[in-house]
Amino acid sequence: MSDTSNFLHVSSVLNRQSIAQHGLDWTRMGAAPGIAGSSRPEVEGIFVCRGEEEAGFFLQINNTDGPVDIWSVDGIDEELLLDNGNGFVYLPARIPAARVRLVRSDVPL
């Protein structure tokens, strides 16, 4: 039986309105660079963090040129997560707005 858990997602505050309206969708990337500074999606999916410590790492490498938000993501089946080759995981699917909730906003650089 697969386990569903809460995960976190870190994103630029410039993406807040889009995430609140559309959820997490890599095809809508463009308002701000990715956390690692990429201008295009690194994978066809949504990176998630396995808790505050991992989210803290993404806060430290923030290359968005501004503050970020931390979103709670509900109902992810851990068996569906893929490793990007660097130990970070992503869900190869869009995540609807009903499954995300803003938990920290305007976290500074």
PDB file of N, CA and C in Angstrom:
ATOM      1  N   MET A   1       0.851  -1.192   0.000  1.00  0.00           N
ATOM      2  CA  MET A   1       0.000   0.000   0.000  1.00  0.00           C
ATOM      3  C   MET A   1       0.885   1.240   0.000  1.00  0.00           C
ATOM      4  N   SER A   2       0.564   2.192  -0.821  1.00  0.00           N
ATOM      5  CA  SER A   2       1.377   3.408  -0.898  1.00  0.00           C
ATOM      6  C   SER A   2       0.938   4.394   0.165  1.00  0.00           C
ATOM      7  N   ASP A   3       1.900   5.216   0.560  1.00  0.00           N
ATOM      8  CA  ASP A   3       1.673   6.200   1.610  1.00  0.00           C
ATOM      9  C   ASP A   3       1.506   7.571   0.973  1.00  0.00           C
ATOM     10  N   THR A   4       0.538   8.343   1.458  1.00  0.00           N
ATOM     11  CA  THR A   4       0.425   9.724   1.003  1.00  0.00           C
ATOM     12  C   THR A   4       0.842  10.609   2.160  1.00  0.00           C
ATOM     13  N   SER A   5       1.661  11.592   1.854  1.00  0.00           N
ATOM     14  CA  SER A   5       2.219  12.453   2.882  1.00  0.00           C
ATOM     15  C   SER A   5       2.150  13.898   2.447  1.00  0.00           C
ATOM     16  N   ASN A   6       2.363  14.758   3.415  1.00  0.00           N
ATOM     17  CA  ASN A   6       2.470  16.174   3.115  1.00  0.00           C
ATOM     18  C   ASN A   6       3.926  16.499   2.783  1.00  0.00           C
ATOM     19  N   PHE A   7       4.102  17.278   1.762  1.00  0.00           N
ATOM     20  CA  PHE A   7       5.419  17.724   1.334  1.00  0.00           C
ATOM     21  C   PHE A   7       5.387  19.240   1.229  1.00  0.00           C
ATOM     22  N   LEU A   8       6.548  19.833   0.972  1.00  0.00           N
ATOM     23  CA  LEU A   8       6.653  21.281   0.812  1.00  0.00           C
ATOM     24  C   LEU A   8       7.190  21.596  -0.579  1.00  0.00           C
ATOM     25  N   HIS A   9       6.843  22.770  -1.071  1.00  0.00           N
ATOM     26  CA  HIS A   9       7.361  23.271  -2.344  1.00  0.00           C
ATOM     27  C   HIS A   9       7.767  24.720  -2.140  1.00  0.00           C
ATOM     28  N   VAL A  10       8.955  25.086  -2.620  1.00  0.00           N
ATOM     29  CA  VAL A  10       9.476  26.449  -2.480  1.00  0.00           C
ATOM     30  C   VAL A  10       9.424  27.123  -3.845  1.00  0.00           C
ATOM     31  N   SER A  11       8.868  28.345  -3.874  1.00  0.00           N
ATOM     32  CA  SER A  11       8.709  29.059  -5.140  1.00  0.00           C
ATOM     33  C   SER A  11       8.785  30.565  -4.908  1.00  0.00           C
ATOM     34  N   SER A  12       9.191  31.273  -5.933  1.00  0.00           N
ATOM     35  CA  SER A  12       9.238  32.737  -5.876  1.00  0.00           C
ATOM     36  C   SER A  12       7.858  33.311  -5.544  1.00  0.00           C
ATOM     37  N   VAL A  13       7.840  34.414  -4.803  1.00  0.00           N
ATOM     38  CA  VAL A  13       6.572  35.084  -4.515  1.00  0.00           C
ATOM     39  C   VAL A  13       5.889  35.558  -5.800  1.00  0.00           C
ATOM     40  N   LEU A  14       6.663  35.736  -6.868  1.00  0.00           N
ATOM     41  CA  LEU A  14       6.084  36.156  -8.144  1.00  0.00           C
ATOM     42  C   LEU A  14       5.150  35.093  -8.719  1.00  0.00           C
ATOM     43  N   ASN A  15       5.268  33.873  -8.226  1.00  0.00           N
ATOM     44  CA  ASN A  15       4.418  32.775  -8.703  1.00  0.00           C
ATOM     45  C   ASN A  15       3.183  32.571  -7.827  1.00  0.00           C
ATOM     46  N   ARG A  16       3.052  33.328  -6.752  1.00  0.00           N
ATOM     47  CA  ARG A  16       1.982  33.098  -5.764  1.00  0.00           C
ATOM     48  C   ARG A  16       0.590  33.104  -6.387  1.00  0.00           C
ATOM     49  N   GLN A  17       0.284  34.115  -7.163  1.00  0.00           N
ATOM     50  CA  GLN A  17      -1.064  34.219  -7.743  1.00  0.00           C
ATOM     51  C   GLN A  17      -1.346  33.049  -8.671  1.00  0.00           C
ATOM     52  N   SER A  18      -0.387  32.686  -9.501  1.00  0.00           N
ATOM     53  CA  SER A  18      -0.572  31.571 -10.422  1.00  0.00           C
ATOM     54  C   SER A  18      -0.764  30.259  -9.663  1.00  0.00           C
ATOM     55  N   ILE A  19       0.035  30.028  -8.622  1.00  0.00           N
ATOM     56  CA  ILE A  19      -0.082  28.796  -7.844  1.00  0.00           C
ATOM     57  C   ILE A  19      -1.435  28.748  -7.142  1.00  0.00           C
ATOM     58  N   ALA A  20      -1.847  29.868  -6.561  1.00  0.00           N
ATOM     59  CA  ALA A  20      -3.145  29.901  -5.875  1.00  0.00           C
ATOM     60  C   ALA A  20      -4.294  29.607  -6.836  1.00  0.00           C
ATOM     61  N   GLN A  21      -4.153  30.065  -8.071  1.00  0.00           N
ATOM     62  CA  GLN A  21      -5.224  29.884  -9.056  1.00  0.00           C
ATOM     63  C   GLN A  21      -5.141  28.539  -9.777  1.00  0.00           C
ATOM     64  N   HIS A  22      -3.928  28.151 -10.194  1.00  0.00           N
ATOM     65  CA  HIS A  22      -3.771  26.984 -11.061  1.00  0.00           C
ATOM     66  C   HIS A  22      -3.098  25.791 -10.398  1.00  0.00           C
ATOM     67  N   GLY A  23      -2.579  25.972  -9.195  1.00  0.00           N
ATOM     68  CA  GLY A  23      -1.804  24.909  -8.563  1.00  0.00           C
ATOM     69  C   GLY A  23      -0.365  24.939  -9.062  1.00  0.00           C
ATOM     70  N   LEU A  24       0.324  23.838  -8.885  1.00  0.00           N
ATOM     71  CA  LEU A  24       1.725  23.741  -9.296  1.00  0.00           C
ATOM     72  C   LEU A  24       1.790  23.080 -10.669  1.00  0.00           C
ATOM     73  N   ASP A  25       2.331  23.816 -11.639  1.00  0.00           N
ATOM     74  CA  ASP A  25       2.327  23.370 -13.025  1.00  0.00           C
ATOM     75  C   ASP A  25       3.591  23.903 -13.701  1.00  0.00           C
ATOM     76  N   TRP A  26       4.514  23.020 -14.009  1.00  0.00           N
ATOM     77  CA  TRP A  26       5.788  23.437 -14.593  1.00  0.00           C
ATOM     78  C   TRP A  26       5.621  24.117 -15.941  1.00  0.00           C
ATOM     79  N   THR A  27       4.519  23.886 -16.644  1.00  0.00           N
ATOM     80  CA  THR A  27       4.329  24.522 -17.947  1.00  0.00           C
ATOM     81  C   THR A  27       3.988  26.000 -17.805  1.00  0.00           C
ATOM     82  N   ARG A  28       3.677  26.444 -16.603  1.00  0.00           N
ATOM     83  CA  ARG A  28       3.369  27.851 -16.368  1.00  0.00           C
ATOM     84  C   ARG A  28       4.580  28.627 -15.850  1.00  0.00           C
ATOM     85  N   MET A  29       5.732  27.984 -15.781  1.00  0.00           N
ATOM     86  CA  MET A  29       6.938  28.649 -15.296  1.00  0.00           C
ATOM     87  C   MET A  29       7.282  29.805 -16.215  1.00  0.00           C
ATOM     88  N   GLY A  30       7.675  30.911 -15.639  1.00  0.00           N
ATOM     89  CA  GLY A  30       8.048  32.044 -16.470  1.00  0.00           C
ATOM     90  C   GLY A  30       8.043  33.351 -15.721  1.00  0.00           C
ATOM     91  N   ALA A  31       7.206  33.483 -14.681  1.00  0.00           N
ATOM     92  CA  ALA A  31       7.157  34.733 -13.925  1.00  0.00           C
ATOM     93  C   ALA A  31       8.466  34.980 -13.187  1.00  0.00           C
ATOM     94  N   ALA A  32       9.132  33.908 -12.806  1.00  0.00           N
ATOM     95  CA  ALA A  32      10.393  34.017 -12.069  1.00  0.00           C
ATOM     96  C   ALA A  32      11.232  32.786 -12.372  1.00  0.00           C
ATOM     97  N   PRO A  33      12.555  32.892 -12.218  1.00  0.00           N
ATOM     98  CA  PRO A  33      13.388  31.702 -12.412  1.00  0.00           C
ATOM     99  C   PRO A  33      13.114  30.665 -11.328  1.00  0.00           C
ATOM    100  N   GLY A  34      13.514  29.430 -11.604  1.00  0.00           N
ATOM    101  CA  GLY A  34      13.411  28.391 -10.594  1.00  0.00           C
ATOM    102  C   GLY A  34      14.319  28.691  -9.416  1.00  0.00           C
ATOM    103  N   ILE A  35      14.126  27.985  -8.326  1.00  0.00           N
ATOM    104  CA  ILE A  35      14.913  28.209  -7.112  1.00  0.00           C
ATOM    105  C   ILE A  35      16.408  28.115  -7.388  1.00  0.00           C
ATOM    106  N   ALA A  36      16.806  27.185  -8.271  1.00  0.00           N
ATOM    107  CA  ALA A  36      18.225  27.030  -8.593  1.00  0.00           C
ATOM    108  C   ALA A  36      18.681  28.025  -9.658  1.00  0.00           C
ATOM    109  N   GLY A  37      17.784  28.900 -10.107  1.00  0.00           N
ATOM    110  CA  GLY A  37      18.138  29.925 -11.077  1.00  0.00           C
ATOM    111  C   GLY A  37      17.831  29.571 -12.518  1.00  0.00           C
ATOM    112  N   SER A  38      17.246  28.403 -12.744  1.00  0.00           N
ATOM    113  CA  SER A  38      16.956  27.986 -14.116  1.00  0.00           C
ATOM    114  C   SER A  38      15.812  28.809 -14.705  1.00  0.00           C
ATOM    115  N   SER A  39      15.921  29.090 -15.990  1.00  0.00           N
ATOM    116  CA  SER A  39      14.872  29.864 -16.656  1.00  0.00           C
ATOM    117  C   SER A  39      13.812  28.966 -17.274  1.00  0.00           C
ATOM    118  N   ARG A  40      14.094  27.669 -17.323  1.00  0.00           N
ATOM    119  CA  ARG A  40      13.148  26.681 -17.856  1.00  0.00           C
ATOM    120  C   ARG A  40      13.019  25.541 -16.858  1.00  0.00           C
ATOM    121  N   PRO A  41      11.937  24.808 -16.911  1.00  0.00           N
ATOM    122  CA  PRO A  41      11.779  23.670 -16.001  1.00  0.00           C
ATOM    123  C   PRO A  41      12.930  22.674 -16.176  1.00  0.00           C
ATOM    124  N   GLU A  42      13.459  22.204 -15.050  1.00  0.00           N
ATOM    125  CA  GLU A  42      14.537  21.210 -15.089  1.00  0.00           C
ATOM    126  C   GLU A  42      13.989  19.821 -15.386  1.00  0.00           C
ATOM    127  N   VAL A  43      12.739  19.589 -15.016  1.00  0.00           N
ATOM    128  CA  VAL A  43      12.063  18.313 -15.256  1.00  0.00           C
ATOM    129  C   VAL A  43      10.609  18.603 -15.597  1.00  0.00           C
ATOM    130  N   GLU A  44       9.941  17.629 -16.162  1.00  0.00           N
ATOM    131  CA  GLU A  44       8.499  17.763 -16.391  1.00  0.00           C
ATOM    132  C   GLU A  44       7.791  17.268 -15.138  1.00  0.00           C
ATOM    133  N   GLY A  45       7.768  18.121 -14.157  1.00  0.00           N
ATOM    134  CA  GLY A  45       7.170  17.768 -12.876  1.00  0.00           C
ATOM    135  C   GLY A  45       7.397  18.853 -11.853  1.00  0.00           C
ATOM    136  N   ILE A  46       6.987  18.563 -10.626  1.00  0.00           N
ATOM    137  CA  ILE A  46       7.044  19.521  -9.532  1.00  0.00           C
ATOM    138  C   ILE A  46       7.971  18.997  -8.445  1.00  0.00           C
ATOM    139  N   PHE A  47       9.031  19.747  -8.161  1.00  0.00           N
ATOM    140  CA  PHE A  47       9.935  19.376  -7.072  1.00  0.00           C
ATOM    141  C   PHE A  47       9.240  19.581  -5.734  1.00  0.00           C
ATOM    142  N   VAL A  48       9.406  18.638  -4.841  1.00  0.00           N
ATOM    143  CA  VAL A  48       8.861  18.746  -3.490  1.00  0.00           C
ATOM    144  C   VAL A  48       9.953  18.415  -2.480  1.00  0.00           C
ATOM    145  N   CYS A  49       9.791  18.959  -1.295  1.00  0.00           N
ATOM    146  CA  CYS A  49      10.744  18.749  -0.203  1.00  0.00           C
ATOM    147  C   CYS A  49      10.121  17.834   0.832  1.00  0.00           C
ATOM    148  N   ARG A  50      10.962  17.009   1.433  1.00  0.00           N
ATOM    149  CA  ARG A  50      10.521  16.073   2.458  1.00  0.00           C
ATOM    150  C   ARG A  50      10.673  16.689   3.844  1.00  0.00           C
ATOM    151  N   GLY A  51      10.137  17.861   4.049  1.00  0.00           N
ATOM    152  CA  GLY A  51      10.179  18.482   5.360  1.00  0.00           C
ATOM    153  C   GLY A  51      10.931  19.796   5.385  1.00  0.00           C
ATOM    154  N   GLU A  52      10.942  20.400   6.584  1.00  0.00           N
ATOM    155  CA  GLU A  52      11.524  21.736   6.772  1.00  0.00           C
ATOM    156  C   GLU A  52      13.020  21.779   6.484  1.00  0.00           C
ATOM    157  N   GLU A  53      13.751  20.733   6.857  1.00  0.00           N
ATOM    158  CA  GLU A  53      15.202  20.747   6.652  1.00  0.00           C
ATOM    159  C   GLU A  53      15.546  20.812   5.169  1.00  0.00           C
ATOM    160  N   GLU A  54      14.889  19.992   4.378  1.00  0.00           N
ATOM    161  CA  GLU A  54      15.141  20.019   2.939  1.00  0.00           C
ATOM    162  C   GLU A  54      14.665  21.333   2.331  1.00  0.00           C
ATOM    163  N   ALA A  55      13.539  21.849   2.788  1.00  0.00           N
ATOM    164  CA  ALA A  55      13.068  23.154   2.308  1.00  0.00           C
ATOM    165  C   ALA A  55      14.094  24.230   2.646  1.00  0.00           C
ATOM    166  N   GLY A  56      14.721  24.113   3.809  1.00  0.00           N
ATOM    167  CA  GLY A  56      15.759  25.064   4.214  1.00  0.00           C
ATOM    168  C   GLY A  56      16.913  25.097   3.231  1.00  0.00           C
ATOM    169  N   PHE A  57      17.268  23.945   2.674  1.00  0.00           N
ATOM    170  CA  PHE A  57      18.325  23.898   1.664  1.00  0.00           C
ATOM    171  C   PHE A  57      17.929  24.745   0.457  1.00  0.00           C
ATOM    172  N   PHE A  58      16.679  24.594   0.003  1.00  0.00           N
ATOM    173  CA  PHE A  58      16.218  25.368  -1.146  1.00  0.00           C
ATOM    174  C   PHE A  58      16.154  26.858  -0.832  1.00  0.00           C
ATOM    175  N   LEU A  59      15.869  27.195   0.419  1.00  0.00           N
ATOM    176  CA  LEU A  59      15.897  28.606   0.808  1.00  0.00           C
ATOM    177  C   LEU A  59      17.323  29.153   0.705  1.00  0.00           C
ATOM    178  N   GLN A  60      18.304  28.341   1.077  1.00  0.00           N
ATOM    179  CA  GLN A  60      19.701  28.782   1.027  1.00  0.00           C
ATOM    180  C   GLN A  60      20.206  28.985  -0.388  1.00  0.00           C
ATOM    181  N   ILE A  61      19.727  28.169  -1.334  1.00  0.00           N
ATOM    182  CA  ILE A  61      20.217  28.306  -2.715  1.00  0.00           C
ATOM    183  C   ILE A  61      19.320  29.213  -3.556  1.00  0.00           C
ATOM    184  N   ASN A  62      18.379  29.891  -2.930  1.00  0.00           N
ATOM    185  CA  ASN A  62      17.426  30.731  -3.643  1.00  0.00           C
ATOM    186  C   ASN A  62      18.127  31.645  -4.645  1.00  0.00           C
ATOM    187  N   ASN A  63      17.875  31.405  -5.923  1.00  0.00           N
ATOM    188  CA  ASN A  63      18.420  32.225  -7.002  1.00  0.00           C
ATOM    189  C   ASN A  63      17.314  32.895  -7.798  1.00  0.00           C
ATOM    190  N   THR A  64      16.229  33.260  -7.111  1.00  0.00           N
ATOM    191  CA  THR A  64      15.100  33.867  -7.810  1.00  0.00           C
ATOM    192  C   THR A  64      15.185  35.385  -7.850  1.00  0.00           C
ATOM    193  N   ASP A  65      16.219  35.947  -7.225  1.00  0.00           N
ATOM    194  CA  ASP A  65      16.390  37.402  -7.138  1.00  0.00           C
ATOM    195  C   ASP A  65      15.342  38.069  -6.261  1.00  0.00           C
ATOM    196  N   GLY A  66      14.752  37.319  -5.337  1.00  0.00           N
ATOM    197  CA  GLY A  66      13.760  37.904  -4.448  1.00  0.00           C
ATOM    198  C   GLY A  66      13.257  36.899  -3.432  1.00  0.00           C
ATOM    199  N   PRO A  67      12.291  37.321  -2.623  1.00  0.00           N
ATOM    200  CA  PRO A  67      11.760  36.439  -1.590  1.00  0.00           C
ATOM    201  C   PRO A  67      10.957  35.283  -2.189  1.00  0.00           C
ATOM    202  N   VAL A  68      10.760  34.262  -1.370  1.00  0.00           N
ATOM    203  CA  VAL A  68      10.042  33.071  -1.814  1.00  0.00           C
ATOM    204  C   VAL A  68       8.916  32.729  -0.841  1.00  0.00           C
ATOM    205  N   ASP A  69       8.038  31.856  -1.301  1.00  0.00           N
ATOM    206  CA  ASP A  69       6.961  31.305  -0.487  1.00  0.00           C
ATOM    207  C   ASP A  69       7.215  29.819  -0.285  1.00  0.00           C
ATOM    208  N   ILE A  70       6.685  29.293   0.808  1.00  0.00           N
ATOM    209  CA  ILE A  70       6.716  27.856   1.047  1.00  0.00           C
ATOM    210  C   ILE A  70       5.272  27.367   1.063  1.00  0.00           C
ATOM    211  N   TRP A  71       5.014  26.370   0.250  1.00  0.00           N
ATOM    212  CA  TRP A  71       3.682  25.801   0.087  1.00  0.00           C
ATOM    213  C   TRP A  71       3.659  24.384   0.642  1.00  0.00           C
ATOM    214  N   SER A  72       2.611  24.041   1.351  1.00  0.00           N
ATOM    215  CA  SER A  72       2.367  22.673   1.770  1.00  0.00           C
ATOM    216  C   SER A  72       1.629  21.988   0.629  1.00  0.00           C
ATOM    217  N   VAL A  73       2.044  20.762   0.322  1.00  0.00           N
ATOM    218  CA  VAL A  73       1.420  20.002  -0.755  1.00  0.00           C
ATOM    219  C   VAL A  73       0.854  18.723  -0.156  1.00  0.00           C
ATOM    220  N   ASP A  74      -0.439  18.548  -0.251  1.00  0.00           N
ATOM    221  CA  ASP A  74      -1.114  17.401   0.359  1.00  0.00           C
ATOM    222  C   ASP A  74      -1.344  16.276  -0.635  1.00  0.00           C
ATOM    223  N   GLY A  75      -1.393  15.061  -0.100  1.00  0.00           N
ATOM    224  CA  GLY A  75      -1.846  13.910  -0.870  1.00  0.00           C
ATOM    225  C   GLY A  75      -0.910  13.396  -1.935  1.00  0.00           C
ATOM    226  N   ILE A  76       0.391  13.550  -1.760  1.00  0.00           N
ATOM    227  CA  ILE A  76       1.329  13.004  -2.741  1.00  0.00           C
ATOM    228  C   ILE A  76       1.601  11.551  -2.396  1.00  0.00           C
ATOM    229  N   ASP A  77       1.433  10.681  -3.376  1.00  0.00           N
ATOM    230  CA  ASP A  77       1.760   9.273  -3.230  1.00  0.00           C
ATOM    231  C   ASP A  77       3.281   9.149  -3.389  1.00  0.00           C
ATOM    232  N   GLU A  78       3.959   8.797  -2.322  1.00  0.00           N
ATOM    233  CA  GLU A  78       5.429   8.741  -2.342  1.00  0.00           C
ATOM    234  C   GLU A  78       5.975   7.782  -3.392  1.00  0.00           C
ATOM    235  N   GLU A  79       5.210   6.761  -3.746  1.00  0.00           N
ATOM    236  CA  GLU A  79       5.670   5.808  -4.750  1.00  0.00           C
ATOM    237  C   GLU A  79       5.742   6.416  -6.146  1.00  0.00           C
ATOM    238  N   LEU A  80       5.091   7.549  -6.350  1.00  0.00           N
ATOM    239  CA  LEU A  80       5.104   8.211  -7.656  1.00  0.00           C
ATOM    240  C   LEU A  80       6.254   9.198  -7.812  1.00  0.00           C
ATOM    241  N   LEU A  81       6.971   9.495  -6.723  1.00  0.00           N
ATOM    242  CA  LEU A  81       8.059  10.466  -6.778  1.00  0.00           C
ATOM    243  C   LEU A  81       9.266   9.886  -7.510  1.00  0.00           C
ATOM    244  N   LEU A  82       9.905  10.739  -8.300  1.00  0.00           N
ATOM    245  CA  LEU A  82      11.111  10.363  -9.030  1.00  0.00           C
ATOM    246  C   LEU A  82      12.292  11.157  -8.515  1.00  0.00           C
ATOM    247  N   ASP A  83      13.472  10.562  -8.540  1.00  0.00           N
ATOM    248  CA  ASP A  83      14.708  11.231  -8.143  1.00  0.00           C
ATOM    249  C   ASP A  83      15.292  11.898  -9.377  1.00  0.00           C
ATOM    250  N   ASN A  84      15.715  13.152  -9.242  1.00  0.00           N
ATOM    251  CA  ASN A  84      16.259  13.858 -10.408  1.00  0.00           C
ATOM    252  C   ASN A  84      17.723  13.507 -10.665  1.00  0.00           C
ATOM    253  N   GLY A  85      18.285  12.602  -9.880  1.00  0.00           N
ATOM    254  CA  GLY A  85      19.690  12.224 -10.049  1.00  0.00           C
ATOM    255  C   GLY A  85      20.601  12.913  -9.055  1.00  0.00           C
ATOM    256  N   ASN A  86      20.080  13.893  -8.340  1.00  0.00           N
ATOM    257  CA  ASN A  86      20.856  14.620  -7.334  1.00  0.00           C
ATOM    258  C   ASN A  86      20.291  14.433  -5.933  1.00  0.00           C
ATOM    259  N   GLY A  87      19.387  13.478  -5.777  1.00  0.00           N
ATOM    260  CA  GLY A  87      18.815  13.214  -4.465  1.00  0.00           C
ATOM    261  C   GLY A  87      17.557  14.006  -4.163  1.00  0.00           C
ATOM    262  N   PHE A  88      17.129  14.849  -5.078  1.00  0.00           N
ATOM    263  CA  PHE A  88      15.895  15.618  -4.886  1.00  0.00           C
ATOM    264  C   PHE A  88      14.787  14.927  -5.663  1.00  0.00           C
ATOM    265  N   VAL A  89      13.576  15.027  -5.138  1.00  0.00           N
ATOM    266  CA  VAL A  89      12.473  14.296  -5.760  1.00  0.00           C
ATOM    267  C   VAL A  89      11.447  15.245  -6.362  1.00  0.00           C
ATOM    268  N   TYR A  90      10.767  14.727  -7.369  1.00  0.00           N
ATOM    269  CA  TYR A  90       9.703  15.485  -8.009  1.00  0.00           C
ATOM    270  C   TYR A  90       8.567  14.556  -8.367  1.00  0.00           C
ATOM    271  N   LEU A  91       7.399  15.147  -8.467  1.00  0.00           N
ATOM    272  CA  LEU A  91       6.207  14.433  -8.899  1.00  0.00           C
ATOM    273  C   LEU A  91       6.018  14.728 -10.382  1.00  0.00           C
ATOM    274  N   PRO A  92       5.998  13.706 -11.245  1.00  0.00           N
ATOM    275  CA  PRO A  92       5.863  13.961 -12.685  1.00  0.00           C
ATOM    276  C   PRO A  92       4.405  14.211 -13.076  1.00  0.00           C
ATOM    277  N   ALA A  93       3.804  15.166 -12.406  1.00  0.00           N
ATOM    278  CA  ALA A  93       2.405  15.508 -12.666  1.00  0.00           C
ATOM    279  C   ALA A  93       2.126  16.907 -12.133  1.00  0.00           C
ATOM    280  N   ARG A  94       1.088  17.530 -12.658  1.00  0.00           N
ATOM    281  CA  ARG A  94       0.641  18.810 -12.124  1.00  0.00           C
ATOM    282  C   ARG A  94      -0.069  18.557 -10.793  1.00  0.00           C
ATOM    283  N   ILE A  95      -0.049  19.562  -9.927  1.00  0.00           N
ATOM    284  CA  ILE A  95      -0.708  19.442  -8.623  1.00  0.00           C
ATOM    285  C   ILE A  95      -1.779  20.524  -8.550  1.00  0.00           C
ATOM    286  N   PRO A  96      -3.045  20.148  -8.447  1.00  0.00           N
ATOM    287  CA  PRO A  96      -4.129  21.143  -8.451  1.00  0.00           C
ATOM    288  C   PRO A  96      -4.077  22.081  -7.249  1.00  0.00           C
ATOM    289  N   ALA A  97      -4.615  23.268  -7.436  1.00  0.00           N
ATOM    290  CA  ALA A  97      -4.614  24.298  -6.386  1.00  0.00           C
ATOM    291  C   ALA A  97      -5.278  23.810  -5.102  1.00  0.00           C
ATOM    292  N   ALA A  98      -6.248  22.932  -5.198  1.00  0.00           N
ATOM    293  CA  ALA A  98      -6.946  22.429  -4.016  1.00  0.00           C
ATOM    294  C   ALA A  98      -6.031  21.617  -3.099  1.00  0.00           C
ATOM    295  N   ARG A  99      -4.871  21.183  -3.613  1.00  0.00           N
ATOM    296  CA  ARG A  99      -3.953  20.376  -2.812  1.00  0.00           C
ATOM    297  C   ARG A  99      -2.739  21.141  -2.320  1.00  0.00           C
ATOM    298  N   VAL A 100      -2.709  22.463  -2.548  1.00  0.00           N
ATOM    299  CA  VAL A 100      -1.587  23.275  -2.058  1.00  0.00           C
ATOM    300  C   VAL A 100      -2.109  24.374  -1.135  1.00  0.00           C
ATOM    301  N   ARG A 101      -1.277  24.711  -0.157  1.00  0.00           N
ATOM    302  CA  ARG A 101      -1.654  25.738   0.816  1.00  0.00           C
ATOM    303  C   ARG A 101      -0.405  26.529   1.176  1.00  0.00           C
ATOM    304  N   LEU A 102      -0.488  27.844   1.107  1.00  0.00           N
ATOM    305  CA  LEU A 102       0.630  28.716   1.455  1.00  0.00           C
ATOM    306  C   LEU A 102       0.863  28.649   2.960  1.00  0.00           C
ATOM    307  N   VAL A 103       2.074  28.247   3.376  1.00  0.00           N
ATOM    308  CA  VAL A 103       2.358  28.129   4.805  1.00  0.00           C
ATOM    309  C   VAL A 103       3.354  29.165   5.312  1.00  0.00           C
ATOM    310  N   ARG A 104       4.222  29.688   4.439  1.00  0.00           N
ATOM    311  CA  ARG A 104       5.121  30.796   4.789  1.00  0.00           C
ATOM    312  C   ARG A 104       5.262  31.680   3.566  1.00  0.00           C
ATOM    313  N   SER A 105       5.110  32.967   3.767  1.00  0.00           N
ATOM    314  CA  SER A 105       5.184  33.871   2.627  1.00  0.00           C
ATOM    315  C   SER A 105       6.300  34.891   2.819  1.00  0.00           C
ATOM    316  N   ASP A 106       6.797  35.357   1.697  1.00  0.00           N
ATOM    317  CA  ASP A 106       7.798  36.440   1.669  1.00  0.00           C
ATOM    318  C   ASP A 106       9.041  36.114   2.486  1.00  0.00           C
ATOM    319  N   VAL A 107       9.535  34.869   2.383  1.00  0.00           N
ATOM    320  CA  VAL A 107      10.780  34.488   3.057  1.00  0.00           C
ATOM    321  C   VAL A 107      11.904  35.203   2.319  1.00  0.00           C
ATOM    322  N   PRO A 108      12.696  36.040   3.030  1.00  0.00           N
ATOM    323  CA  PRO A 108      13.719  36.853   2.349  1.00  0.00           C
ATOM    324  C   PRO A 108      14.890  36.021   1.846  1.00  0.00           C
ATOM    325  N   LEU A 109      15.664  36.627   0.958  1.00  0.00           N
ATOM    326  CA  LEU A 109      16.902  36.008   0.450  1.00  0.00           C
ATOM    327  C   LEU A 109      17.851  35.687   1.582  1.00  0.00           C
TER     328      LEU A 109
END
